[in-house]
Amino acid sequence: NACGIQAIERGDLEAHLLQCPLEEVECDFSHAGCNTKLPRQDMEKHVEENTQKHMALVPALTLRTEQRHNQLRRELENEGHKIEAMEKRQEQLQKQQEQLQKKTQENEAEIKYLKQQLQRKVQRTEELGDVIEMPNFEQYADNQEMWYSPPRYTHPGGCRFGIAVRADDCTE
């Protein structure tokens, strides 16, 4: 600025501008709508001479402030509704997660049970080996009936098969 001070150190320049009487500044009522910019030394006189003008700006400032306040309150209410909806959705998702965890546990228990059953059947099949027992052979032979074996598998998870025997054609 044109205050005439020649020797100001670079680090002190900012502090000087904050108090220099010739630095141009905005009116203290700029937030209320006064657009005047004057050297700092003339600002006190401006404020004294324009008190009525500045006081006339206050109701408009109050109205703008109230409108902004109402707008912010509505935005806050909307955000509150969004938060409530998100919390409700979170509860729903937690319930779904709990249901899925329960179903997963049930499925795991069923898988364990089925594996045990399969293991028992595989063990039983291995115990039977190559011999298929034909109980009451004589009854079938005497009546000339067909005898059907229980179903067997070629290997665990393999093909299912059975044997049909006409007992009257067999000898012991």
N, C-alpha and C. Protein backbone atom coordinates (compact mmCIF):
# COMPACT_ATOMS: atom_id res chain seq x y z
N ASN A 1 0.84 -1.18 0.00
CA ASN A 1 0.00 0.00 0.00
C ASN A 1 0.89 1.25 0.00
N ALA A 2 0.30 2.36 0.06
CA ALA A 2 1.08 3.61 -0.06
C ALA A 2 1.23 4.31 1.27
N CYS A 3 1.56 3.56 2.34
CA CYS A 3 1.66 4.19 3.65
C CYS A 3 2.99 4.92 3.82
N GLY A 4 3.96 4.65 3.00
CA GLY A 4 5.22 5.38 3.03
C GLY A 4 6.30 4.72 3.85
N ILE A 5 6.03 3.68 4.55
CA ILE A 5 7.06 3.00 5.31
C ILE A 5 7.93 2.24 4.33
N GLN A 6 9.24 2.51 4.39
CA GLN A 6 10.17 1.94 3.42
C GLN A 6 10.80 0.64 3.92
N ALA A 7 11.16 0.58 5.16
CA ALA A 7 11.94 -0.55 5.65
C ALA A 7 11.09 -1.47 6.52
N ILE A 8 10.36 -2.39 5.86
CA ILE A 8 9.61 -3.41 6.58
C ILE A 8 10.20 -4.75 6.19
N GLU A 9 10.58 -5.51 7.18
CA GLU A 9 11.13 -6.83 6.90
C GLU A 9 10.01 -7.73 6.37
N ARG A 10 10.42 -8.66 5.51
CA ARG A 10 9.46 -9.54 4.85
C ARG A 10 8.59 -10.30 5.87
N GLY A 11 9.15 -10.76 6.96
CA GLY A 11 8.40 -11.50 7.98
C GLY A 11 7.42 -10.63 8.75
N ASP A 12 7.63 -9.30 8.74
CA ASP A 12 6.74 -8.40 9.47
C ASP A 12 5.66 -7.78 8.59
N LEU A 13 5.69 -8.04 7.30
CA LEU A 13 4.75 -7.40 6.37
C LEU A 13 3.30 -7.74 6.69
N GLU A 14 3.02 -9.00 6.93
CA GLU A 14 1.64 -9.41 7.21
C GLU A 14 1.10 -8.73 8.46
N ALA A 15 1.90 -8.69 9.51
CA ALA A 15 1.47 -8.02 10.75
C ALA A 15 1.24 -6.53 10.51
N HIS A 16 2.09 -5.90 9.70
CA HIS A 16 1.93 -4.48 9.38
C HIS A 16 0.60 -4.23 8.66
N LEU A 17 0.28 -5.11 7.69
CA LEU A 17 -0.96 -4.91 6.92
C LEU A 17 -2.20 -5.07 7.80
N LEU A 18 -2.12 -5.87 8.86
CA LEU A 18 -3.26 -6.05 9.76
C LEU A 18 -3.52 -4.83 10.64
N GLN A 19 -2.56 -3.91 10.74
CA GLN A 19 -2.77 -2.72 11.57
C GLN A 19 -2.48 -1.41 10.86
N CYS A 20 -2.01 -1.45 9.62
CA CYS A 20 -1.66 -0.24 8.87
C CYS A 20 -2.90 0.63 8.69
N PRO A 21 -2.84 1.92 9.03
CA PRO A 21 -4.00 2.81 8.91
C PRO A 21 -4.40 3.08 7.46
N LEU A 22 -3.49 2.85 6.51
CA LEU A 22 -3.82 3.12 5.11
C LEU A 22 -4.28 1.87 4.34
N GLU A 23 -4.24 0.72 4.99
CA GLU A 23 -4.70 -0.53 4.35
C GLU A 23 -6.21 -0.46 4.16
N GLU A 24 -6.69 -0.76 2.94
CA GLU A 24 -8.11 -0.72 2.65
C GLU A 24 -8.78 -1.95 3.25
N VAL A 25 -9.88 -1.72 4.00
CA VAL A 25 -10.59 -2.81 4.67
C VAL A 25 -12.09 -2.69 4.40
N GLU A 26 -12.78 -3.81 4.58
CA GLU A 26 -14.24 -3.81 4.44
C GLU A 26 -14.88 -3.23 5.68
N CYS A 27 -16.07 -2.71 5.53
CA CYS A 27 -16.84 -2.17 6.64
C CYS A 27 -17.16 -3.29 7.63
N ASP A 28 -17.23 -2.94 8.91
CA ASP A 28 -17.57 -3.93 9.93
C ASP A 28 -18.97 -4.51 9.72
N PHE A 29 -19.79 -3.85 8.95
CA PHE A 29 -21.16 -4.32 8.66
C PHE A 29 -21.26 -4.96 7.27
N SER A 30 -20.12 -5.40 6.74
CA SER A 30 -20.15 -6.04 5.41
C SER A 30 -21.00 -7.31 5.44
N HIS A 31 -20.99 -8.04 6.56
CA HIS A 31 -21.80 -9.26 6.67
C HIS A 31 -23.30 -8.94 6.65
N ALA A 32 -23.65 -7.70 6.96
CA ALA A 32 -25.06 -7.28 6.94
C ALA A 32 -25.45 -6.70 5.58
N GLY A 33 -24.44 -6.42 4.73
CA GLY A 33 -24.76 -5.93 3.39
C GLY A 33 -24.11 -4.61 3.02
N CYS A 34 -23.29 -3.99 3.89
CA CYS A 34 -22.59 -2.75 3.54
C CYS A 34 -21.37 -3.11 2.70
N ASN A 35 -21.28 -2.57 1.49
CA ASN A 35 -20.21 -2.92 0.56
C ASN A 35 -19.06 -1.91 0.57
N THR A 36 -19.01 -1.03 1.52
CA THR A 36 -18.00 0.03 1.57
C THR A 36 -16.63 -0.55 1.92
N LYS A 37 -15.59 -0.06 1.18
CA LYS A 37 -14.20 -0.38 1.49
C LYS A 37 -13.46 0.96 1.61
N LEU A 38 -12.79 1.11 2.73
CA LEU A 38 -12.07 2.36 3.02
C LEU A 38 -10.75 2.05 3.69
N PRO A 39 -9.84 3.03 3.71
CA PRO A 39 -8.63 2.85 4.52
C PRO A 39 -9.04 2.68 5.99
N ARG A 40 -8.29 1.88 6.72
CA ARG A 40 -8.60 1.57 8.11
C ARG A 40 -8.81 2.85 8.94
N GLN A 41 -8.02 3.86 8.69
CA GLN A 41 -8.10 5.10 9.48
C GLN A 41 -9.43 5.83 9.29
N ASP A 42 -10.15 5.59 8.18
CA ASP A 42 -11.43 6.26 7.91
C ASP A 42 -12.65 5.42 8.30
N MET A 43 -12.42 4.19 8.71
CA MET A 43 -13.54 3.28 8.96
C MET A 43 -14.38 3.70 10.17
N GLU A 44 -13.76 4.18 11.23
CA GLU A 44 -14.52 4.58 12.41
C GLU A 44 -15.49 5.71 12.08
N LYS A 45 -15.04 6.66 11.30
CA LYS A 45 -15.90 7.78 10.87
C LYS A 45 -17.06 7.27 10.04
N HIS A 46 -16.78 6.31 9.12
CA HIS A 46 -17.82 5.73 8.26
C HIS A 46 -18.89 5.06 9.12
N VAL A 47 -18.48 4.30 10.12
CA VAL A 47 -19.43 3.60 10.97
C VAL A 47 -20.30 4.60 11.73
N GLU A 48 -19.69 5.65 12.26
CA GLU A 48 -20.46 6.66 13.01
C GLU A 48 -21.46 7.38 12.11
N GLU A 49 -21.06 7.75 10.89
CA GLU A 49 -21.92 8.51 9.99
C GLU A 49 -23.03 7.65 9.38
N ASN A 50 -22.84 6.35 9.35
CA ASN A 50 -23.80 5.46 8.67
C ASN A 50 -24.51 4.51 9.63
N THR A 51 -24.64 4.90 10.88
CA THR A 51 -25.28 4.04 11.88
C THR A 51 -26.71 3.68 11.47
N GLN A 52 -27.49 4.64 11.03
CA GLN A 52 -28.87 4.36 10.63
C GLN A 52 -28.91 3.42 9.43
N LYS A 53 -28.04 3.67 8.45
CA LYS A 53 -27.98 2.78 7.27
C LYS A 53 -27.63 1.36 7.71
N HIS A 54 -26.66 1.25 8.61
CA HIS A 54 -26.24 -0.08 9.07
C HIS A 54 -27.36 -0.77 9.86
N MET A 55 -28.07 0.01 10.70
CA MET A 55 -29.16 -0.58 11.48
C MET A 55 -30.30 -1.01 10.57
N ALA A 56 -30.48 -0.33 9.45
CA ALA A 56 -31.52 -0.72 8.49
C ALA A 56 -31.17 -2.04 7.81
N LEU A 57 -29.88 -2.37 7.75
CA LEU A 57 -29.45 -3.64 7.14
C LEU A 57 -29.67 -4.84 8.07
N VAL A 58 -29.78 -4.59 9.37
CA VAL A 58 -29.87 -5.68 10.35
C VAL A 58 -31.12 -6.55 10.16
N PRO A 59 -32.33 -5.98 9.94
CA PRO A 59 -33.50 -6.86 9.75
C PRO A 59 -33.34 -7.83 8.56
N ALA A 60 -32.77 -7.33 7.47
CA ALA A 60 -32.56 -8.21 6.31
C ALA A 60 -31.56 -9.31 6.66
N LEU A 61 -30.51 -8.93 7.42
CA LEU A 61 -29.52 -9.92 7.86
C LEU A 61 -30.19 -10.95 8.77
N THR A 62 -31.05 -10.47 9.67
CA THR A 62 -31.76 -11.38 10.56
C THR A 62 -32.64 -12.34 9.77
N LEU A 63 -33.33 -11.82 8.76
CA LEU A 63 -34.19 -12.67 7.93
C LEU A 63 -33.36 -13.72 7.19
N ARG A 64 -32.24 -13.28 6.60
CA ARG A 64 -31.37 -14.24 5.89
C ARG A 64 -30.83 -15.30 6.85
N THR A 65 -30.47 -14.86 8.04
CA THR A 65 -29.96 -15.80 9.04
C THR A 65 -31.03 -16.80 9.44
N GLU A 66 -32.26 -16.31 9.64
CA GLU A 66 -33.37 -17.20 10.01
C GLU A 66 -33.69 -18.18 8.89
N GLN A 67 -33.67 -17.70 7.65
CA GLN A 67 -33.92 -18.58 6.51
C GLN A 67 -32.85 -19.66 6.42
N ARG A 68 -31.61 -19.26 6.61
CA ARG A 68 -30.51 -20.23 6.55
C ARG A 68 -30.64 -21.23 7.70
N HIS A 69 -31.03 -20.72 8.86
CA HIS A 69 -31.23 -21.60 10.01
C HIS A 69 -32.32 -22.64 9.71
N ASN A 70 -33.43 -22.18 9.14
CA ASN A 70 -34.53 -23.10 8.79
C ASN A 70 -34.10 -24.11 7.75
N GLN A 71 -33.34 -23.65 6.76
CA GLN A 71 -32.84 -24.56 5.73
C GLN A 71 -31.94 -25.62 6.35
N LEU A 72 -31.04 -25.21 7.23
CA LEU A 72 -30.14 -26.15 7.89
C LEU A 72 -30.92 -27.13 8.77
N ARG A 73 -31.99 -26.63 9.44
CA ARG A 73 -32.81 -27.50 10.28
C ARG A 73 -33.50 -28.57 9.42
N ARG A 74 -34.03 -28.15 8.25
CA ARG A 74 -34.67 -29.12 7.35
C ARG A 74 -33.66 -30.14 6.85
N GLU A 75 -32.48 -29.68 6.49
CA GLU A 75 -31.44 -30.60 6.03
C GLU A 75 -31.06 -31.58 7.14
N LEU A 76 -30.98 -31.07 8.36
CA LEU A 76 -30.66 -31.93 9.50
C LEU A 76 -31.75 -32.97 9.72
N GLU A 77 -33.02 -32.56 9.60
CA GLU A 77 -34.14 -33.49 9.74
C GLU A 77 -34.06 -34.57 8.66
N ASN A 78 -33.77 -34.15 7.42
CA ASN A 78 -33.65 -35.11 6.32
C ASN A 78 -32.52 -36.10 6.59
N GLU A 79 -31.41 -35.59 7.09
CA GLU A 79 -30.30 -36.47 7.41
C GLU A 79 -30.69 -37.42 8.53
N GLY A 80 -31.48 -36.91 9.50
CA GLY A 80 -31.96 -37.77 10.58
C GLY A 80 -32.83 -38.90 10.05
N HIS A 81 -33.70 -38.58 9.08
CA HIS A 81 -34.54 -39.62 8.47
C HIS A 81 -33.68 -40.64 7.72
N LYS A 82 -32.67 -40.15 7.04
CA LYS A 82 -31.76 -41.06 6.33
C LYS A 82 -31.06 -41.99 7.32
N ILE A 83 -30.63 -41.43 8.44
CA ILE A 83 -29.94 -42.24 9.45
C ILE A 83 -30.89 -43.29 10.01
N GLU A 84 -32.14 -42.89 10.29
CA GLU A 84 -33.12 -43.85 10.79
C GLU A 84 -33.34 -44.99 9.79
N ALA A 85 -33.45 -44.63 8.51
CA ALA A 85 -33.66 -45.65 7.47
C ALA A 85 -32.44 -46.57 7.40
N MET A 86 -31.27 -45.99 7.51
CA MET A 86 -30.05 -46.82 7.46
C MET A 86 -29.97 -47.75 8.68
N GLU A 87 -30.35 -47.24 9.84
CA GLU A 87 -30.33 -48.08 11.04
C GLU A 87 -31.32 -49.22 10.92
N LYS A 88 -32.50 -48.92 10.35
CA LYS A 88 -33.51 -49.96 10.15
C LYS A 88 -33.00 -51.02 9.17
N ARG A 89 -32.38 -50.56 8.11
CA ARG A 89 -31.81 -51.49 7.12
C ARG A 89 -30.70 -52.33 7.75
N GLN A 90 -29.90 -51.70 8.59
CA GLN A 90 -28.83 -52.43 9.26
C GLN A 90 -29.41 -53.53 10.15
N GLU A 91 -30.50 -53.23 10.86
CA GLU A 91 -31.15 -54.23 11.69
C GLU A 91 -31.65 -55.40 10.83
N GLN A 92 -32.27 -55.07 9.69
CA GLN A 92 -32.75 -56.12 8.79
C GLN A 92 -31.60 -57.00 8.32
N LEU A 93 -30.50 -56.36 7.93
CA LEU A 93 -29.34 -57.12 7.45
C LEU A 93 -28.74 -57.98 8.56
N GLN A 94 -28.75 -57.47 9.79
CA GLN A 94 -28.24 -58.27 10.91
C GLN A 94 -29.11 -59.49 11.14
N LYS A 95 -30.45 -59.30 11.05
CA LYS A 95 -31.36 -60.44 11.20
C LYS A 95 -31.13 -61.47 10.10
N GLN A 96 -30.97 -60.98 8.86
CA GLN A 96 -30.70 -61.89 7.75
C GLN A 96 -29.40 -62.64 7.97
N GLN A 97 -28.39 -61.93 8.46
CA GLN A 97 -27.10 -62.57 8.72
C GLN A 97 -27.26 -63.65 9.78
N GLU A 98 -28.01 -63.35 10.85
CA GLU A 98 -28.22 -64.34 11.90
C GLU A 98 -28.95 -65.57 11.35
N GLN A 99 -29.97 -65.33 10.49
CA GLN A 99 -30.70 -66.45 9.89
C GLN A 99 -29.79 -67.29 9.00
N LEU A 100 -28.94 -66.61 8.24
CA LEU A 100 -28.02 -67.34 7.37
C LEU A 100 -27.00 -68.13 8.18
N GLN A 101 -26.53 -67.56 9.28
CA GLN A 101 -25.59 -68.28 10.13
C GLN A 101 -26.26 -69.52 10.73
N LYS A 102 -27.52 -69.36 11.17
CA LYS A 102 -28.25 -70.50 11.73
C LYS A 102 -28.44 -71.58 10.67
N LYS A 103 -28.83 -71.17 9.46
CA LYS A 103 -29.04 -72.13 8.37
C LYS A 103 -27.72 -72.81 8.01
N THR A 104 -26.63 -72.06 8.04
CA THR A 104 -25.31 -72.64 7.75
C THR A 104 -24.97 -73.70 8.79
N GLN A 105 -25.24 -73.40 10.07
CA GLN A 105 -24.98 -74.38 11.12
C GLN A 105 -25.83 -75.63 10.94
N GLU A 106 -27.10 -75.43 10.58
CA GLU A 106 -27.99 -76.58 10.34
C GLU A 106 -27.46 -77.41 9.17
N ASN A 107 -27.06 -76.74 8.09
CA ASN A 107 -26.54 -77.46 6.92
C ASN A 107 -25.26 -78.20 7.26
N GLU A 108 -24.39 -77.57 8.06
CA GLU A 108 -23.15 -78.24 8.45
C GLU A 108 -23.45 -79.49 9.29
N ALA A 109 -24.44 -79.39 10.19
CA ALA A 109 -24.81 -80.55 11.00
C ALA A 109 -25.38 -81.66 10.12
N GLU A 110 -26.20 -81.28 9.14
CA GLU A 110 -26.77 -82.28 8.23
C GLU A 110 -25.67 -82.93 7.39
N ILE A 111 -24.74 -82.15 6.93
CA ILE A 111 -23.61 -82.70 6.15
C ILE A 111 -22.82 -83.68 7.00
N LYS A 112 -22.58 -83.31 8.25
CA LYS A 112 -21.84 -84.20 9.14
C LYS A 112 -22.60 -85.51 9.32
N TYR A 113 -23.91 -85.42 9.54
CA TYR A 113 -24.74 -86.61 9.71
C TYR A 113 -24.69 -87.48 8.46
N LEU A 114 -24.86 -86.85 7.29
CA LEU A 114 -24.86 -87.62 6.04
C LEU A 114 -23.50 -88.27 5.78
N LYS A 115 -22.43 -87.59 6.14
CA LYS A 115 -21.10 -88.20 5.99
C LYS A 115 -20.95 -89.43 6.88
N GLN A 116 -21.50 -89.32 8.11
CA GLN A 116 -21.45 -90.47 9.02
C GLN A 116 -22.25 -91.63 8.46
N GLN A 117 -23.43 -91.33 7.94
CA GLN A 117 -24.27 -92.38 7.34
C GLN A 117 -23.56 -93.05 6.17
N LEU A 118 -22.96 -92.23 5.32
CA LEU A 118 -22.24 -92.76 4.17
C LEU A 118 -21.08 -93.64 4.63
N GLN A 119 -20.37 -93.17 5.63
CA GLN A 119 -19.23 -93.95 6.14
C GLN A 119 -19.70 -95.29 6.67
N ARG A 120 -20.84 -95.31 7.39
CA ARG A 120 -21.38 -96.58 7.90
C ARG A 120 -21.74 -97.52 6.75
N LYS A 121 -22.35 -96.97 5.71
CA LYS A 121 -22.74 -97.81 4.56
C LYS A 121 -21.52 -98.33 3.82
N VAL A 122 -20.51 -97.49 3.67
CA VAL A 122 -19.28 -97.94 3.01
C VAL A 122 -18.64 -99.04 3.84
N GLN A 123 -18.59 -98.85 5.16
CA GLN A 123 -18.00 -99.85 6.04
C GLN A 123 -18.77 -101.16 5.95
N ARG A 124 -20.10 -101.07 5.95
CA ARG A 124 -20.93 -102.28 5.87
C ARG A 124 -20.69 -103.01 4.54
N THR A 125 -20.60 -102.23 3.46
CA THR A 125 -20.35 -102.81 2.15
C THR A 125 -19.00 -103.51 2.13
N GLU A 126 -18.00 -102.88 2.74
CA GLU A 126 -16.67 -103.49 2.78
C GLU A 126 -16.69 -104.76 3.62
N GLU A 127 -17.50 -104.79 4.69
CA GLU A 127 -17.59 -105.97 5.55
C GLU A 127 -18.22 -107.14 4.81
N LEU A 128 -19.20 -106.85 3.96
CA LEU A 128 -19.87 -107.92 3.21
C LEU A 128 -18.95 -108.55 2.18
N GLY A 129 -18.07 -107.77 1.64
CA GLY A 129 -17.10 -108.27 0.67
C GLY A 129 -17.77 -108.82 -0.57
N ASP A 130 -17.29 -110.00 -1.03
CA ASP A 130 -17.75 -110.59 -2.28
C ASP A 130 -18.95 -111.53 -2.08
N VAL A 131 -19.34 -111.80 -0.84
CA VAL A 131 -20.40 -112.77 -0.57
C VAL A 131 -21.72 -112.02 -0.41
N ILE A 132 -22.71 -112.49 -1.14
CA ILE A 132 -24.06 -111.97 -0.98
C ILE A 132 -24.88 -113.10 -0.39
N GLU A 133 -25.36 -112.87 0.80
CA GLU A 133 -26.11 -113.91 1.48
C GLU A 133 -27.51 -114.02 0.89
N MET A 134 -28.00 -115.31 0.82
CA MET A 134 -29.34 -115.57 0.33
C MET A 134 -30.09 -116.32 1.43
N PRO A 135 -30.73 -115.56 2.33
CA PRO A 135 -31.43 -116.23 3.43
C PRO A 135 -32.65 -117.01 2.90
N ASN A 136 -33.00 -118.10 3.59
CA ASN A 136 -34.17 -118.93 3.26
C ASN A 136 -34.09 -119.48 1.84
N PHE A 137 -32.92 -119.96 1.49
CA PHE A 137 -32.71 -120.50 0.14
C PHE A 137 -33.74 -121.59 -0.19
N GLU A 138 -33.99 -122.46 0.74
CA GLU A 138 -34.89 -123.58 0.50
C GLU A 138 -36.31 -123.11 0.18
N GLN A 139 -36.77 -122.10 0.87
CA GLN A 139 -38.13 -121.59 0.64
C GLN A 139 -38.29 -121.13 -0.80
N TYR A 140 -37.29 -120.42 -1.31
CA TYR A 140 -37.39 -119.94 -2.69
C TYR A 140 -37.29 -121.11 -3.68
N ALA A 141 -36.42 -122.05 -3.38
CA ALA A 141 -36.22 -123.19 -4.27
C ALA A 141 -37.49 -124.03 -4.35
N ASP A 142 -38.14 -124.25 -3.20
CA ASP A 142 -39.35 -125.06 -3.18
C ASP A 142 -40.50 -124.40 -3.92
N ASN A 143 -40.62 -123.09 -3.84
CA ASN A 143 -41.74 -122.38 -4.45
C ASN A 143 -41.44 -121.90 -5.87
N GLN A 144 -40.25 -122.16 -6.32
CA GLN A 144 -39.82 -121.71 -7.64
C GLN A 144 -40.04 -120.20 -7.82
N GLU A 145 -39.65 -119.45 -6.80
CA GLU A 145 -39.78 -118.00 -6.83
C GLU A 145 -38.44 -117.36 -7.15
N MET A 146 -38.52 -116.13 -7.59
CA MET A 146 -37.30 -115.35 -7.83
C MET A 146 -36.88 -114.70 -6.51
N TRP A 147 -35.59 -114.69 -6.30
CA TRP A 147 -35.04 -113.99 -5.12
C TRP A 147 -34.24 -112.81 -5.62
N TYR A 148 -34.46 -111.65 -4.98
CA TYR A 148 -33.75 -110.43 -5.37
C TYR A 148 -32.86 -109.99 -4.21
N SER A 149 -31.61 -109.74 -4.54
CA SER A 149 -30.67 -109.30 -3.50
C SER A 149 -30.93 -107.84 -3.14
N PRO A 150 -30.50 -107.45 -1.96
CA PRO A 150 -30.55 -106.02 -1.65
C PRO A 150 -29.64 -105.27 -2.63
N PRO A 151 -29.91 -104.03 -2.88
CA PRO A 151 -29.08 -103.30 -3.83
C PRO A 151 -27.64 -103.13 -3.31
N ARG A 152 -26.70 -103.16 -4.25
CA ARG A 152 -25.29 -102.97 -3.93
C ARG A 152 -24.73 -101.89 -4.87
N TYR A 153 -23.54 -101.46 -4.57
CA TYR A 153 -22.88 -100.43 -5.39
C TYR A 153 -21.52 -100.96 -5.82
N THR A 154 -21.13 -100.57 -7.01
CA THR A 154 -19.84 -101.01 -7.52
C THR A 154 -18.69 -100.45 -6.68
N HIS A 155 -18.84 -99.28 -6.16
CA HIS A 155 -17.89 -98.62 -5.24
C HIS A 155 -18.61 -97.42 -4.63
N PRO A 156 -18.07 -96.85 -3.57
CA PRO A 156 -18.77 -95.70 -2.97
C PRO A 156 -19.05 -94.62 -4.02
N GLY A 157 -20.31 -94.28 -4.14
CA GLY A 157 -20.72 -93.28 -5.12
C GLY A 157 -20.83 -93.86 -6.53
N GLY A 158 -20.65 -95.17 -6.69
CA GLY A 158 -20.66 -95.79 -8.01
C GLY A 158 -22.03 -96.26 -8.45
N CYS A 159 -22.06 -97.21 -9.38
CA CYS A 159 -23.32 -97.71 -9.95
C CYS A 159 -24.01 -98.66 -8.98
N ARG A 160 -25.31 -98.61 -8.98
CA ARG A 160 -26.15 -99.48 -8.15
C ARG A 160 -26.53 -100.70 -8.97
N PHE A 161 -26.51 -101.86 -8.30
CA PHE A 161 -26.92 -103.06 -9.01
C PHE A 161 -27.57 -104.03 -8.03
N GLY A 162 -28.23 -105.03 -8.55
CA GLY A 162 -28.85 -106.07 -7.74
C GLY A 162 -28.77 -107.40 -8.49
N ILE A 163 -29.02 -108.48 -7.77
CA ILE A 163 -28.94 -109.82 -8.38
C ILE A 163 -30.32 -110.47 -8.24
N ALA A 164 -30.75 -111.11 -9.34
CA ALA A 164 -31.98 -111.89 -9.32
C ALA A 164 -31.64 -113.35 -9.53
N VAL A 165 -32.18 -114.21 -8.66
CA VAL A 165 -31.83 -115.65 -8.73
C VAL A 165 -33.12 -116.47 -8.76
N ARG A 166 -33.14 -117.42 -9.71
CA ARG A 166 -34.21 -118.43 -9.67
C ARG A 166 -33.63 -119.62 -8.92
N ALA A 167 -34.08 -119.80 -7.70
CA ALA A 167 -33.47 -120.77 -6.82
C ALA A 167 -33.62 -122.22 -7.29
N ASP A 168 -34.62 -122.55 -8.13
CA ASP A 168 -34.81 -123.93 -8.56
C ASP A 168 -33.75 -124.41 -9.55
N ASP A 169 -32.96 -123.47 -10.11
CA ASP A 169 -31.91 -123.84 -11.04
C ASP A 169 -30.56 -123.99 -10.34
N CYS A 170 -30.50 -123.76 -9.04
CA CYS A 170 -29.22 -123.73 -8.33
C CYS A 170 -29.07 -125.00 -7.50
N THR A 171 -27.85 -125.32 -7.29
CA THR A 171 -27.54 -126.38 -6.34
C THR A 171 -26.69 -125.75 -5.26
N GLU A 172 -26.75 -126.34 -4.08
CA GLU A 172 -26.01 -125.73 -2.96
C GLU A 172 -24.54 -125.87 -3.15
